[in-house]
Amino acid sequence: MGKKYCEEKCQNPYYHVHSYAIYTQVDDCHRHIIRGVTSPAPDTPGHKHDFEGTTSCNEGHTHCYHGCTEKPKYMCNGHIHDFCGKTSCDEGHKHRYQGTTDRDRRSFCR
């Protein structure tokens, strides 16, 4: 998901992104925060978004994560996506995560 790819997609008014911010599950007596913005995607039935990033630093380390959202769940004013996965294994452990994105943000691209 390079910057040029995102800029090209964001020039198309039919593309949108979602933000997300969730906690991982507790493992090794701590948890991390996962937050970011999904890749742009067209607002078509069944579309999905990619996401990736690095967790917050806790207990002196971070974890990487990446994945693809589920299909959209439509609401009165937009839609959301469920997503889940596991972080990378660092310091001898990994964390599971599960959450939903915020509603679609078309203004983010402009």
Protein backbone atom coordinates (compact mmCIF):
# COMPACT_ATOMS: atom_id res chain seq x y z
CA MET A 1 0.00 0.00 0.00
CA GLY A 2 2.41 2.65 -1.18
CA LYS A 3 1.76 6.37 -0.98
CA LYS A 4 1.33 6.70 -4.77
CA TYR A 5 -1.27 3.88 -4.81
CA CYS A 6 -3.26 5.59 -2.05
CA GLU A 7 -3.04 9.01 -3.70
CA GLU A 8 -4.31 7.63 -7.03
CA LYS A 9 -7.22 5.79 -5.38
CA CYS A 10 -8.12 8.79 -3.23
CA GLN A 11 -8.57 10.97 -6.31
CA ASN A 12 -11.51 8.75 -7.24
CA PRO A 13 -14.62 9.96 -5.34
CA TYR A 14 -15.97 6.39 -5.14
CA TYR A 15 -13.04 5.22 -2.99
CA HIS A 16 -13.01 5.53 0.78
CA VAL A 17 -11.04 4.49 3.87
CA HIS A 18 -11.81 3.57 7.48
CA SER A 19 -9.95 4.33 10.67
CA TYR A 20 -9.68 1.82 13.51
CA ALA A 21 -8.43 1.81 17.11
CA ILE A 22 -8.68 -1.27 19.35
CA TYR A 23 -6.83 -3.08 22.13
CA THR A 24 -5.24 -6.48 21.64
CA GLN A 25 -6.07 -9.31 24.01
CA VAL A 26 -3.86 -9.64 27.08
CA ASP A 27 -0.91 -12.00 26.73
CA ASP A 28 2.23 -12.15 28.86
CA CYS A 29 0.44 -9.85 31.36
CA HIS A 30 0.03 -6.90 28.99
CA ARG A 31 -1.75 -5.70 25.84
CA HIS A 32 -1.15 -3.21 23.02
CA ILE A 33 -3.15 -0.66 21.06
CA ILE A 34 -3.70 -1.17 17.33
CA ARG A 35 -4.69 1.92 15.36
CA GLY A 36 -4.50 3.14 11.80
CA VAL A 37 -6.30 3.71 8.53
CA THR A 38 -7.26 1.01 6.03
CA SER A 39 -6.28 0.95 2.38
CA PRO A 40 -8.66 2.77 0.00
CA ALA A 41 -11.40 0.66 -1.62
CA PRO A 42 -14.36 1.34 -3.90
CA ASP A 43 -17.80 1.37 -2.26
CA THR A 44 -19.06 -1.75 -4.01
CA PRO A 45 -21.07 -4.60 -2.46
CA GLY A 46 -18.78 -7.07 -0.72
CA HIS A 47 -15.64 -4.89 -0.86
CA LYS A 48 -12.83 -5.33 1.67
CA HIS A 49 -9.88 -3.24 2.87
CA ASP A 50 -6.31 -4.21 3.69
CA PHE A 51 -4.71 -2.94 6.89
CA GLU A 52 -1.25 -3.13 8.44
CA GLY A 53 0.88 -1.46 11.04
CA THR A 54 2.79 -1.69 14.29
CA THR A 55 1.20 -1.88 17.74
CA SER A 56 1.85 0.59 20.52
CA CYS A 57 4.99 -0.01 22.56
CA ASN A 58 4.34 -1.78 25.85
CA GLU A 59 6.72 -3.73 28.09
CA GLY A 60 9.56 -2.43 25.88
CA HIS A 61 8.43 -3.93 22.58
CA THR A 62 5.97 -3.70 19.67
CA HIS A 63 4.35 -6.21 17.31
CA CYS A 64 3.55 -5.99 13.59
CA TYR A 65 0.11 -6.85 12.26
CA HIS A 66 -1.63 -7.03 8.89
CA GLY A 67 -4.80 -8.41 7.39
CA CYS A 68 -7.95 -7.85 5.40
CA THR A 69 -11.33 -6.74 6.73
CA GLU A 70 -14.54 -8.67 6.36
CA LYS A 71 -17.29 -7.53 3.96
CA PRO A 72 -19.15 -4.31 4.92
CA LYS A 73 -22.02 -4.12 7.39
CA TYR A 74 -24.28 -1.33 6.18
CA MET A 75 -25.87 1.16 8.56
CA CYS A 76 -28.13 4.18 8.09
CA ASN A 77 -25.16 6.48 7.57
CA GLY A 78 -22.40 4.46 5.93
CA HIS A 79 -20.90 1.11 6.87
CA ILE A 80 -18.30 -0.61 9.05
CA HIS A 81 -16.09 -3.70 8.69
CA ASP A 82 -15.20 -6.39 11.22
CA PHE A 83 -11.55 -7.47 11.37
CA CYS A 84 -9.43 -9.81 13.46
CA GLY A 85 -6.07 -11.52 13.51
CA LYS A 86 -2.85 -12.16 15.41
CA THR A 87 0.18 -9.96 15.79
CA SER A 88 3.71 -11.07 14.99
CA CYS A 89 5.51 -13.13 17.61
CA ASP A 90 7.93 -10.89 19.51
CA GLU A 91 9.49 -11.36 22.94
CA GLY A 92 8.19 -14.95 22.85
CA HIS A 93 4.49 -14.19 22.49
CA LYS A 94 1.81 -12.76 20.19
CA HIS A 95 -1.58 -11.12 20.73
CA ARG A 96 -4.96 -11.78 19.16
CA TYR A 97 -7.11 -8.82 18.18
CA GLN A 98 -10.70 -8.34 17.07
CA GLY A 99 -12.73 -5.22 16.38
CA THR A 100 -14.62 -3.08 13.90
CA THR A 101 -13.59 -0.11 11.83
CA ASP A 102 -15.15 3.31 12.18
CA ARG A 103 -17.70 4.32 9.55
CA ASP A 104 -16.36 5.08 6.06
CA ARG A 105 -14.52 8.38 5.62
CA ARG A 106 -14.63 9.81 2.15
CA SER A 107 -13.36 13.22 3.28
CA PHE A 108 -10.06 11.61 4.43
CA CYS A 109 -9.01 11.17 0.82
CA ARG A 110 -9.44 14.81 -0.11
